[in-house]
Amino acid sequence: MTKFVLFFLFAFSSQCFAKSYGQTTIDLRLEKVSLKKAFKAIENQGIFHFVYRDEILPTDQLVTIH
């Protein structure tokens, strides 16, 4: 019984050591670029990864990010 309790104590307390990604700062200045290029620039600077299908992204829409 003691081994069972120690196992669960360890399993549930290991979540206390999880790393937080909530305060990541990204500095971007993009002028009139496609969404695909904007996503790539964000991925290169941060820890974020975007998953999307190229068919759904508008190819004629340009974005500006400051």
N, C-alpha and C. Protein backbone atom coordinates (compact mmCIF):
# COMPACT_ATOMS: atom_id res chain seq x y z
N MET A 1 0.82 -1.19 0.00
CA MET A 1 0.00 0.00 0.00
C MET A 1 0.87 1.27 0.00
N THR A 2 1.98 1.20 0.70
CA THR A 2 2.86 2.36 0.77
C THR A 2 3.44 2.69 -0.60
N LYS A 3 3.83 1.69 -1.35
CA LYS A 3 4.36 1.91 -2.70
C LYS A 3 3.30 2.53 -3.60
N PHE A 4 2.07 2.11 -3.44
CA PHE A 4 0.96 2.65 -4.22
C PHE A 4 0.76 4.13 -3.92
N VAL A 5 0.78 4.49 -2.66
CA VAL A 5 0.60 5.89 -2.25
C VAL A 5 1.78 6.73 -2.71
N LEU A 6 3.00 6.23 -2.58
CA LEU A 6 4.17 6.98 -3.04
C LEU A 6 4.16 7.18 -4.55
N PHE A 7 3.72 6.19 -5.28
CA PHE A 7 3.63 6.32 -6.73
C PHE A 7 2.67 7.44 -7.12
N PHE A 8 1.48 7.46 -6.54
CA PHE A 8 0.51 8.50 -6.87
C PHE A 8 0.95 9.86 -6.36
N LEU A 9 1.62 9.92 -5.24
CA LEU A 9 2.13 11.18 -4.73
C LEU A 9 3.15 11.76 -5.69
N PHE A 10 4.03 10.92 -6.18
CA PHE A 10 5.03 11.36 -7.16
C PHE A 10 4.37 11.75 -8.48
N ALA A 11 3.43 10.96 -8.94
CA ALA A 11 2.78 11.22 -10.23
C ALA A 11 2.03 12.55 -10.22
N PHE A 12 1.33 12.86 -9.16
CA PHE A 12 0.55 14.09 -9.11
C PHE A 12 1.39 15.30 -8.75
N SER A 13 2.49 15.11 -8.05
CA SER A 13 3.34 16.26 -7.70
C SER A 13 4.28 16.63 -8.83
N SER A 14 4.49 15.75 -9.80
CA SER A 14 5.39 16.07 -10.91
C SER A 14 4.83 17.18 -11.79
N GLN A 15 3.54 17.43 -11.74
CA GLN A 15 2.95 18.51 -12.52
C GLN A 15 3.33 19.87 -11.97
N CYS A 16 3.79 19.94 -10.76
CA CYS A 16 4.21 21.21 -10.16
C CYS A 16 5.45 21.77 -10.84
N PHE A 17 6.21 20.92 -11.52
CA PHE A 17 7.45 21.33 -12.14
C PHE A 17 7.29 21.65 -13.62
N ALA A 18 6.07 21.77 -14.09
CA ALA A 18 5.81 22.04 -15.50
C ALA A 18 6.26 23.46 -15.84
N LYS A 19 6.77 23.64 -17.05
CA LYS A 19 7.23 24.93 -17.50
C LYS A 19 6.07 25.72 -18.09
N SER A 20 6.03 27.01 -17.80
CA SER A 20 4.96 27.87 -18.29
C SER A 20 5.43 28.65 -19.51
N TYR A 21 4.57 28.76 -20.52
CA TYR A 21 4.89 29.51 -21.73
C TYR A 21 3.98 30.73 -21.90
N GLY A 22 3.37 31.18 -20.84
CA GLY A 22 2.38 32.24 -20.95
C GLY A 22 2.93 33.63 -21.17
N GLN A 23 4.19 33.88 -20.84
CA GLN A 23 4.72 35.23 -20.89
C GLN A 23 5.83 35.39 -21.93
N THR A 24 5.69 34.76 -23.06
CA THR A 24 6.69 34.86 -24.12
C THR A 24 6.49 36.16 -24.89
N THR A 25 7.57 36.90 -25.11
CA THR A 25 7.51 38.16 -25.83
C THR A 25 8.06 37.98 -27.25
N ILE A 26 7.33 38.49 -28.21
CA ILE A 26 7.75 38.44 -29.61
C ILE A 26 7.73 39.86 -30.15
N ASP A 27 8.82 40.24 -30.80
CA ASP A 27 8.91 41.59 -31.37
C ASP A 27 8.92 41.47 -32.89
N LEU A 28 7.82 41.86 -33.51
CA LEU A 28 7.69 41.75 -34.97
C LEU A 28 7.24 43.07 -35.57
N ARG A 29 7.77 43.36 -36.73
CA ARG A 29 7.30 44.49 -37.53
C ARG A 29 7.25 43.99 -38.97
N LEU A 30 6.06 43.65 -39.39
CA LEU A 30 5.86 43.13 -40.74
C LEU A 30 4.88 44.03 -41.47
N GLU A 31 5.21 44.37 -42.69
CA GLU A 31 4.37 45.24 -43.50
C GLU A 31 3.88 44.49 -44.73
N LYS A 32 2.60 44.33 -44.83
CA LYS A 32 1.95 43.75 -46.01
C LYS A 32 2.59 42.43 -46.45
N VAL A 33 2.52 41.44 -45.58
CA VAL A 33 3.04 40.11 -45.90
C VAL A 33 1.89 39.12 -45.84
N SER A 34 2.07 37.97 -46.44
CA SER A 34 1.03 36.95 -46.43
C SER A 34 0.94 36.34 -45.03
N LEU A 35 -0.19 35.70 -44.77
CA LEU A 35 -0.38 35.06 -43.47
C LEU A 35 0.64 33.95 -43.24
N LYS A 36 0.99 33.24 -44.28
CA LYS A 36 1.96 32.16 -44.17
C LYS A 36 3.31 32.70 -43.70
N LYS A 37 3.75 33.83 -44.27
CA LYS A 37 5.02 34.43 -43.86
C LYS A 37 4.93 34.98 -42.44
N ALA A 38 3.79 35.52 -42.06
CA ALA A 38 3.62 36.02 -40.69
C ALA A 38 3.68 34.87 -39.68
N PHE A 39 3.04 33.76 -40.00
CA PHE A 39 3.10 32.59 -39.11
C PHE A 39 4.53 32.09 -38.97
N LYS A 40 5.27 32.05 -40.07
CA LYS A 40 6.66 31.59 -40.02
C LYS A 40 7.52 32.52 -39.17
N ALA A 41 7.30 33.83 -39.28
CA ALA A 41 8.07 34.79 -38.49
C ALA A 41 7.79 34.62 -37.00
N ILE A 42 6.54 34.38 -36.64
CA ILE A 42 6.18 34.14 -35.24
C ILE A 42 6.81 32.85 -34.75
N GLU A 43 6.78 31.81 -35.57
CA GLU A 43 7.39 30.53 -35.19
C GLU A 43 8.90 30.67 -34.99
N ASN A 44 9.56 31.49 -35.81
CA ASN A 44 11.00 31.65 -35.70
C ASN A 44 11.42 32.38 -34.43
N GLN A 45 10.58 33.27 -33.93
CA GLN A 45 10.92 34.04 -32.74
C GLN A 45 10.44 33.41 -31.45
N GLY A 46 9.43 32.61 -31.51
CA GLY A 46 8.86 32.10 -30.27
C GLY A 46 8.85 30.59 -30.21
N ILE A 47 8.03 30.10 -29.32
CA ILE A 47 7.90 28.67 -29.11
C ILE A 47 6.61 28.15 -29.70
N PHE A 48 5.98 28.96 -30.51
CA PHE A 48 4.68 28.61 -31.07
C PHE A 48 4.84 27.89 -32.40
N HIS A 49 3.91 26.99 -32.67
CA HIS A 49 3.87 26.28 -33.96
C HIS A 49 2.43 26.30 -34.46
N PHE A 50 2.26 26.73 -35.69
CA PHE A 50 0.94 26.80 -36.29
C PHE A 50 0.74 25.60 -37.21
N VAL A 51 -0.41 25.00 -37.11
CA VAL A 51 -0.76 23.89 -37.98
C VAL A 51 -1.98 24.31 -38.78
N TYR A 52 -1.83 24.32 -40.09
CA TYR A 52 -2.92 24.76 -40.96
C TYR A 52 -2.76 24.10 -42.32
N ARG A 53 -3.81 24.18 -43.08
CA ARG A 53 -3.77 23.70 -44.46
C ARG A 53 -3.62 24.90 -45.38
N ASP A 54 -2.74 24.80 -46.34
CA ASP A 54 -2.50 25.91 -47.25
C ASP A 54 -3.75 26.29 -48.04
N GLU A 55 -4.62 25.32 -48.27
CA GLU A 55 -5.82 25.59 -49.07
C GLU A 55 -6.77 26.57 -48.38
N ILE A 56 -6.75 26.63 -47.06
CA ILE A 56 -7.71 27.51 -46.38
C ILE A 56 -7.17 28.91 -46.15
N LEU A 57 -5.88 29.12 -46.26
CA LEU A 57 -5.34 30.46 -46.08
C LEU A 57 -5.62 31.31 -47.30
N PRO A 58 -6.10 32.53 -47.08
CA PRO A 58 -6.33 33.41 -48.24
C PRO A 58 -4.99 33.86 -48.83
N THR A 59 -4.80 33.66 -50.10
CA THR A 59 -3.51 33.99 -50.74
C THR A 59 -3.43 35.44 -51.13
N ASP A 60 -4.55 36.11 -51.29
CA ASP A 60 -4.53 37.51 -51.73
C ASP A 60 -4.62 38.49 -50.57
N GLN A 61 -4.75 38.01 -49.35
CA GLN A 61 -4.88 38.89 -48.19
C GLN A 61 -3.51 39.10 -47.56
N LEU A 62 -3.12 40.37 -47.34
CA LEU A 62 -1.86 40.72 -46.73
C LEU A 62 -2.10 41.31 -45.35
N VAL A 63 -1.19 41.06 -44.42
CA VAL A 63 -1.35 41.54 -43.04
C VAL A 63 -0.15 42.42 -42.67
N THR A 64 -0.38 43.32 -41.72
CA THR A 64 0.66 44.16 -41.15
C THR A 64 0.66 43.95 -39.65
N ILE A 65 1.83 43.67 -39.09
CA ILE A 65 1.95 43.39 -37.65
C ILE A 65 3.01 44.32 -37.07
N HIS A 66 2.66 44.98 -35.97
CA HIS A 66 3.62 45.81 -35.23
C HIS A 66 3.65 45.34 -33.80
